Amino acid sequence: MNKYGIYFREICSILTSWTWQELLFGLKNNIIGIEDVVNYSNNIISDNIKDFEDIMEILIVDNNEVEDIVRKLALKEEKQNDDDIVSKWVFSIIYYLHSTNKNNIYDMIDDIYCEFDYPLEISCLVSYMPKEDGESRDDKLKKYIKRGENIWVIKK
């Protein structure tokens, strides 16, 4: 799915905290690749981190084994709501696109809307959805970005 040209390492510089469930979703849906998970694991590894051995294993195993380890780590976490995982990924992609490529962002949002099974929180940004409030899509996008920043972006 990385047809949007996102770079996970750049997203991680803004949204630094990811659960293994979120990473597993990204892998399963081809938003990120194995190398992204390996790089993320390398960046978070430290001697005092929970599940140090499993994370270290990600760094040394063959690529075809990484998803299984991520799945194992995800099962150790408290179960996340699937809608929350989708919301974070949708925001991450739109935030990245907004920061890097404003030319055709609304076309991409239309695609994201379909590919992520029509998330309600971005329906107001979709070109073919009814608009009743008279507010421009640009203004709605700014509000969406601000709201997402307040939820997921780590302030430095």
Foldseek 3Di string as FASTA:
>chain_A
DCPLVDDVVVLCVWQVDDALVLVLVCPVLVNDALVSLLVSLVVPADPPDPPNVLSVVSNPDPSVCNSVSSVVRNVVDDDDDPLVSLLLVLLSSLVRCVVPPPPPSQVVNQVSCVSSVRDPLCLCSHPPRDDDPPDDSVVSSVVSNVVSCVPGTDDD
